[in-house]
Structures are given as C-alpha cells and as structure tokens.
Amino acid sequence: MPSVRAAGTTFSCRQVGDRGDPLIFVHGYLGSAGIWDEVLRPLGQHHRCFAIDARGVGDSGRPVDGYTVDQWADDVLAVADALGLDHFGYVAHSMGGLSGLRLALTRAARLDSLVLVCPSPSGPPRAGRAAFAAFRNAWAAQDATAMAALFAATSVHLPDPDQTAARGRVAVTAAEGHVDALLDAAAEVDFRGQLAEVRTPTMLVLGAADPALKAGLADYPLLPDATLHVMSGVGHVPQLERSAEFVDVVERFLRDGVVTFPTLMSRLTASA
C-alpha cells in the first residue's frame, strides 16, 4: 500500500477513485484502513477516497509517542497536506470520530463534511481500559483469533469471516502506544460542551445494536447542523455489516447535505 511521509513518520494511505471531491477515511481503535474495504470502490466512482492507517497500526509507522486525539487530528491534516488536499470530507469510525470532532472544532475550514460512524461518545462517561481489557489481553498474547472473535462480538453479522480474521491479525501488531496511551488519552477527551460550536455539516451513522448507540443519540441533538441515520439490526461496523446501505446513505448525504425538518422548512420559505 502506498505510504505518505508526514508529521515525522510514515502513513499508509490507500487511494480509490481519481475524480470528484476528496474524502478521507479513518478507522477506530485497533483498526486499519481495511475497515473500509467494502465501501471504497463504490464511493470511489464519484469521489477521490483516501483511507489512512493511523500511527501505530496497520502499515503506518510506529513512533514511540504522539498517541493522542489531538495528534491524530494533526496527522490527518499532515497527510492531507502531503496529498495536496486543501479541503476534504471526513468519514471516521468509532474512536476515529474524536479526531473528526477535533478537526471540526479547530480546523473547520478544511472540512467539507463530517460522517461519524458509530462514534465514541463525545464526553464522559466513557469506557476506559477496563472495558477494553479483553482486547488488550488478546494483543498482549498476540492471539489474532481471540482478537477477531472480539471484533465479531460487536457486530450482528459480518459476511466475510476471512476479513474478520484479517482484522484480528492486523490488530495484534499495533504499537503499544496505540493500545494504551491512545486509549487513556481518548478517555480524557470531553467535547460535549463544544458540540454546539461544530458548524461542519455532519451525519451520524449508528447501528441499533451498537453499544455506543445511546451516546450517539445523546450527541446528535447537540450538533447544530447534523442529520442521523440508524441502521436496524446492525452493530458497530455498518460499513461492513450492511455496506450497500452505508454507501447509499453516505452518497445521499454528500449530495443533499443535512436534511431535517428545519432545513425543509427553510427551503419552503426560500421558495415562497
């Protein structure tokens, strides 16, 4: 996979599509760009899609430090700069959603849109190390099979067992900083009081069976320019569990923007 030198290390960055507006895709904790495999090709028909492995995971570099949410956001900007992307849409999964909120709060001019997929809660209460102990134990034991089983347990239906097994193999190679320091740093982040300041058009895509569903539903009304899509019978990775629906939802959002009752009424008023 091609690599980009940025922010003092190297980042694996897969590109699919060569026309249209740019979209950057970021995974979550113990993930990799492979989490987007099922959706990059169809979305790449109309967009330039760039899927990045975060520092410390996948095929990216493993520096000893920099495992914070702020640095994650800075890394994304550094990669975007290296790719010549002045602005981009941002699609972030799980803990990666915290980097998206950081960008929306500090570098909004760079973001065209923000898609948060089963994002981590924007503020406390948030699960810390204890909630992820089984994942860390699998990582410490280099047990890719156990890691894959943990990933599968957060989903209702993962159609490709080989893909899930590959996720497990990638996760056990993560740097210790990603496994521990990033988790600790993310547990301390609190954006909830700042969500009203997010002006980037945002869509939350949630799984009805995702453990983070209630937190996502609590964050949604705090975002002033946001829409919501909840997938029934889906867990933590809707982009794998129901990829065709996910692509359709994201494409409609990128085409139509935020569509809510207030936006419909404003359009009606403007056309009167």
Protein backbone atom coordinates (compact mmCIF):
# COMPACT_ATOMS: atom_id res chain seq x y z
CA MET A 1 0.00 0.00 0.00
CA PRO A 2 1.40 3.49 -0.85
CA SER A 3 2.84 5.48 2.03
CA VAL A 4 2.99 9.19 2.78
CA ARG A 5 5.68 10.85 4.87
CA ALA A 6 4.08 13.32 7.26
CA ALA A 7 4.23 14.50 10.90
CA GLY A 8 7.59 12.81 11.45
CA THR A 9 6.53 9.30 10.45
CA THR A 10 5.00 7.36 7.57
CA PHE A 11 1.32 6.74 6.95
CA SER A 12 -0.13 4.05 4.79
CA CYS A 13 -2.72 5.68 2.54
CA ARG A 14 -4.86 3.79 0.04
CA GLN A 15 -6.49 5.79 -2.76
CA VAL A 16 -9.56 4.63 -4.67
CA GLY A 17 -11.05 6.86 -7.37
CA ASP A 18 -9.46 9.68 -9.30
CA ARG A 19 -12.27 12.20 -9.76
CA GLY A 20 -14.70 14.15 -7.65
CA ASP A 21 -14.31 15.74 -4.24
CA PRO A 22 -11.82 14.16 -1.84
CA LEU A 23 -12.92 12.02 1.11
CA ILE A 24 -10.57 10.91 3.89
CA PHE A 25 -11.48 7.73 5.78
CA VAL A 26 -10.16 6.96 9.26
CA HIS A 27 -10.70 3.82 11.32
CA GLY A 28 -11.10 3.40 15.07
CA TYR A 29 -9.19 1.79 17.93
CA LEU A 30 -7.15 -1.26 16.88
CA GLY A 31 -8.47 -0.83 13.36
CA SER A 32 -6.94 -0.14 9.98
CA ALA A 33 -7.93 1.14 6.56
CA GLY A 34 -9.24 -2.35 5.81
CA ILE A 35 -12.41 -1.49 7.74
CA TRP A 36 -13.49 0.47 4.62
CA ASP A 37 -12.78 -2.27 2.06
CA GLU A 38 -16.42 -2.88 1.16
CA VAL A 39 -17.30 0.77 0.54
CA LEU A 40 -14.23 2.38 -1.03
CA ARG A 41 -14.77 1.04 -4.53
CA PRO A 42 -18.42 2.14 -4.92
CA LEU A 43 -17.75 5.51 -3.27
CA GLY A 44 -14.64 5.87 -5.40
CA GLN A 45 -16.81 6.00 -8.53
CA HIS A 46 -17.75 9.58 -7.68
CA HIS A 47 -15.12 10.68 -5.14
CA ARG A 48 -11.39 10.54 -4.56
CA CYS A 49 -11.22 8.31 -1.50
CA PHE A 50 -8.16 8.16 0.76
CA ALA A 51 -8.14 5.56 3.57
CA ILE A 52 -5.39 6.10 6.16
CA ASP A 53 -3.86 3.78 8.74
CA ALA A 54 -3.31 5.81 11.90
CA ARG A 55 0.11 5.99 13.50
CA GLY A 56 0.96 2.78 15.31
CA VAL A 57 -1.39 0.47 13.39
CA GLY A 58 -1.69 -1.28 10.05
CA ASP A 59 1.10 -0.43 7.65
CA SER A 60 1.85 3.00 9.13
CA GLY A 61 4.91 3.87 11.19
CA ARG A 62 5.18 3.07 14.86
CA PRO A 63 6.81 6.05 16.58
CA VAL A 64 7.17 5.90 20.36
CA ASP A 65 4.94 8.91 21.03
CA GLY A 66 2.12 11.01 19.60
CA TYR A 67 -0.76 8.78 20.65
CA THR A 68 -3.35 11.43 21.48
CA VAL A 69 -6.58 12.58 19.86
CA ASP A 70 -5.04 15.97 19.07
CA GLN A 71 -2.08 14.34 17.33
CA TRP A 72 -4.42 12.01 15.43
CA ALA A 73 -6.21 15.07 14.04
CA ASP A 74 -2.89 16.75 13.26
CA ASP A 75 -1.70 13.60 11.50
CA VAL A 76 -4.74 13.65 9.23
CA LEU A 77 -4.07 17.28 8.30
CA ALA A 78 -0.42 16.50 7.66
CA VAL A 79 -1.34 13.63 5.35
CA ALA A 80 -3.91 15.84 3.59
CA ASP A 81 -1.22 18.49 3.09
CA ALA A 82 1.16 15.90 1.67
CA LEU A 83 -1.57 14.78 -0.73
CA GLY A 84 -2.30 18.36 -1.76
CA LEU A 85 -5.82 18.37 -0.31
CA ASP A 86 -6.82 21.85 0.85
CA HIS A 87 -10.23 20.62 1.97
CA PHE A 88 -11.96 17.25 2.19
CA GLY A 89 -14.91 15.31 3.53
CA TYR A 90 -14.04 13.23 6.60
CA VAL A 91 -15.50 9.80 7.32
CA ALA A 92 -14.46 8.46 10.73
CA HIS A 93 -15.33 5.26 12.57
CA SER A 94 -15.57 4.65 16.30
CA MET A 95 -12.72 6.31 18.23
CA GLY A 96 -11.62 7.94 14.99
CA GLY A 97 -14.71 10.11 15.34
CA LEU A 98 -12.99 12.02 18.15
CA SER A 99 -10.33 13.16 15.69
CA GLY A 100 -13.14 14.30 13.40
CA LEU A 101 -14.71 16.42 16.14
CA ARG A 102 -11.31 17.89 16.95
CA LEU A 103 -10.88 18.92 13.32
CA ALA A 104 -14.40 20.35 13.15
CA LEU A 105 -13.71 22.44 16.25
CA THR A 106 -10.23 23.66 15.37
CA ARG A 107 -9.81 23.44 11.58
CA ALA A 108 -13.35 23.69 10.25
CA ALA A 109 -12.22 25.48 7.09
CA ARG A 110 -10.54 22.24 5.95
CA LEU A 111 -13.69 20.11 6.32
CA ASP A 112 -16.44 20.00 3.71
CA SER A 113 -18.46 17.45 5.64
CA LEU A 114 -18.19 15.04 8.54
CA VAL A 115 -19.57 11.50 8.73
CA LEU A 116 -19.31 9.91 12.18
CA VAL A 117 -19.83 6.15 12.05
CA CYS A 118 -20.72 4.59 15.41
CA PRO A 119 -18.50 7.23 17.04
CA SER A 120 -17.07 7.09 20.53
CA PRO A 121 -19.01 9.28 22.99
CA SER A 122 -18.01 12.94 22.74
CA GLY A 123 -17.62 13.16 26.51
CA PRO A 124 -17.90 11.28 29.80
CA PRO A 125 -18.98 8.80 30.85
CA ARG A 126 -16.69 6.88 28.51
CA ALA A 127 -15.27 3.41 28.81
CA GLY A 128 -11.64 3.26 29.89
CA ARG A 129 -9.05 0.49 29.94
CA ALA A 130 -11.21 -1.91 31.94
CA ALA A 131 -13.82 -2.08 29.18
CA PHE A 132 -11.12 -2.96 26.65
CA ALA A 133 -9.21 -5.43 28.82
CA ALA A 134 -10.09 -8.42 26.65
CA PHE A 135 -8.77 -6.60 23.57
CA ARG A 136 -5.53 -5.73 25.35
CA ASN A 137 -5.14 -9.31 26.59
CA ALA A 138 -5.55 -10.61 23.04
CA TRP A 139 -3.00 -8.06 21.84
CA ALA A 140 -0.52 -8.94 24.60
CA ALA A 141 -0.88 -12.65 23.83
CA GLN A 142 -0.60 -11.99 20.07
CA ASP A 143 -3.79 -14.02 19.76
CA ALA A 144 -5.26 -12.92 16.43
CA THR A 145 -8.05 -15.50 16.67
CA ALA A 146 -9.24 -14.13 20.01
CA MET A 147 -9.00 -10.58 18.67
CA ALA A 148 -11.11 -11.46 15.65
CA ALA A 149 -13.71 -13.07 17.92
CA LEU A 150 -13.91 -9.85 19.95
CA PHE A 151 -14.47 -7.84 16.77
CA ALA A 152 -17.18 -10.25 15.67
CA ALA A 153 -18.93 -9.98 19.02
CA THR A 154 -19.59 -6.26 18.49
CA SER A 155 -21.43 -6.93 15.23
CA VAL A 156 -24.70 -8.57 14.33
CA HIS A 157 -23.47 -10.06 11.07
CA LEU A 158 -20.06 -9.89 9.42
CA PRO A 159 -20.42 -11.53 5.98
CA ASP A 160 -16.75 -12.36 5.41
CA PRO A 161 -15.03 -14.43 8.14
CA ASP A 162 -11.69 -14.15 6.35
CA GLN A 163 -11.95 -10.38 6.51
CA THR A 164 -12.67 -10.54 10.24
CA ALA A 165 -9.70 -12.86 10.74
CA ALA A 166 -7.51 -10.37 8.86
CA ARG A 167 -8.69 -7.58 11.16
CA GLY A 168 -7.55 -9.68 14.11
CA ARG A 169 -4.13 -10.30 12.58
CA VAL A 170 -3.63 -6.58 11.94
CA ALA A 171 -4.80 -5.53 15.41
CA VAL A 172 -2.32 -7.69 17.32
CA THR A 173 0.56 -5.91 15.54
CA ALA A 174 -0.46 -2.47 16.88
CA ALA A 175 2.12 -0.39 18.72
CA GLU A 176 1.86 -0.26 22.50
CA GLY A 177 1.28 3.49 22.33
CA HIS A 178 -1.86 2.94 20.27
CA VAL A 179 -3.08 0.18 22.57
CA ASP A 180 -2.56 2.02 25.88
CA ALA A 181 -1.65 5.69 25.54
CA LEU A 182 -4.28 6.47 22.89
CA LEU A 183 -6.99 4.71 24.88
CA ASP A 184 -6.06 6.68 28.01
CA ALA A 185 -5.92 9.96 26.08
CA ALA A 186 -9.30 9.35 24.44
CA ALA A 187 -10.88 8.61 27.82
CA GLU A 188 -9.95 12.12 28.97
CA VAL A 189 -11.37 13.99 25.97
CA ASP A 190 -14.58 15.94 26.54
CA PHE A 191 -16.11 17.71 23.55
CA ARG A 192 -19.71 17.58 24.71
CA GLY A 193 -19.78 21.19 25.86
CA GLN A 194 -18.36 22.28 22.49
CA LEU A 195 -20.64 20.38 20.11
CA ALA A 196 -22.82 23.46 19.61
CA GLU A 197 -19.76 25.10 18.01
CA VAL A 198 -19.49 22.46 15.26
CA ARG A 199 -20.62 24.13 12.04
CA THR A 200 -19.46 21.42 9.63
CA PRO A 201 -22.43 19.59 8.05
CA THR A 202 -22.45 16.30 9.93
CA MET A 203 -24.14 12.93 9.64
CA LEU A 204 -24.15 10.30 12.36
CA VAL A 205 -24.49 6.72 11.13
CA LEU A 206 -25.36 4.47 14.06
CA GLY A 207 -26.07 0.78 14.50
CA ALA A 208 -29.18 -0.03 16.50
CA ALA A 209 -27.27 -2.89 18.18
CA ASP A 210 -24.09 -0.89 18.77
CA PRO A 211 -23.16 -0.41 22.45
CA ALA A 212 -22.42 3.24 21.66
CA LEU A 213 -25.93 3.88 20.28
CA LYS A 214 -27.26 5.80 23.27
CA ALA A 215 -24.19 8.03 23.40
CA GLY A 216 -24.56 8.80 19.70
CA LEU A 217 -28.23 9.63 20.14
CA ALA A 218 -27.32 11.92 23.06
CA ASP A 219 -24.71 13.74 20.98
CA TYR A 220 -26.90 14.17 17.92
CA PRO A 221 -29.24 16.94 19.18
CA LEU A 222 -26.23 18.91 20.45
CA LEU A 223 -24.85 19.28 16.92
CA PRO A 224 -26.41 22.33 15.24
CA ASP A 225 -26.10 21.16 11.63
CA ALA A 226 -26.47 17.39 11.70
CA THR A 227 -28.60 14.57 10.42
CA LEU A 228 -28.95 10.99 11.64
CA HIS A 229 -29.26 7.51 10.19
CA VAL A 230 -29.78 4.46 12.42
CA MET A 231 -29.42 1.02 10.85
CA SER A 232 -31.68 -1.62 12.36
CA GLY A 233 -30.08 -4.96 13.12
CA VAL A 234 -26.56 -3.60 12.79
CA GLY A 235 -23.77 -3.45 15.35
CA HIS A 236 -20.53 -1.49 15.47
CA VAL A 237 -19.34 -1.68 11.84
CA PRO A 238 -22.23 -0.81 9.49
CA GLN A 239 -19.77 -0.24 6.64
CA LEU A 240 -19.05 -3.99 6.71
CA GLU A 241 -22.32 -5.34 8.02
CA ARG A 242 -24.53 -3.55 5.50
CA SER A 243 -22.17 -1.95 3.04
CA ALA A 244 -24.64 -1.19 0.21
CA GLU A 245 -26.96 0.71 2.55
CA PHE A 246 -24.00 2.53 4.04
CA VAL A 247 -22.79 3.67 0.60
CA ASP A 248 -26.28 4.85 -0.34
CA VAL A 249 -26.68 6.81 2.90
CA VAL A 250 -23.28 8.49 2.59
CA GLU A 251 -23.81 9.33 -1.09
CA ARG A 252 -27.19 10.94 -0.35
CA PHE A 253 -25.69 12.98 2.46
CA LEU A 254 -22.81 14.18 0.31
CA ARG A 255 -25.26 15.09 -2.46
CA ASP A 256 -28.12 16.62 -0.45
CA GLY A 257 -26.39 17.83 2.72
CA VAL A 258 -28.19 17.93 6.04
CA VAL A 259 -31.88 17.23 5.52
CA THR A 260 -34.02 17.76 8.61
CA PHE A 261 -37.42 19.29 9.29
CA PRO A 262 -35.89 22.76 9.89
CA THR A 263 -33.93 22.59 6.61
CA LEU A 264 -37.06 21.52 4.75
CA MET A 265 -38.99 24.45 6.22
CA SER A 266 -36.20 26.88 5.34
CA ARG A 267 -36.26 25.66 1.74
CA LEU A 268 -40.03 26.08 1.63
CA THR A 269 -39.71 29.63 2.97
CA ALA A 270 -36.95 30.48 0.48
CA SER A 271 -39.04 29.26 -2.45
CA ALA A 272 -42.21 31.11 -1.38
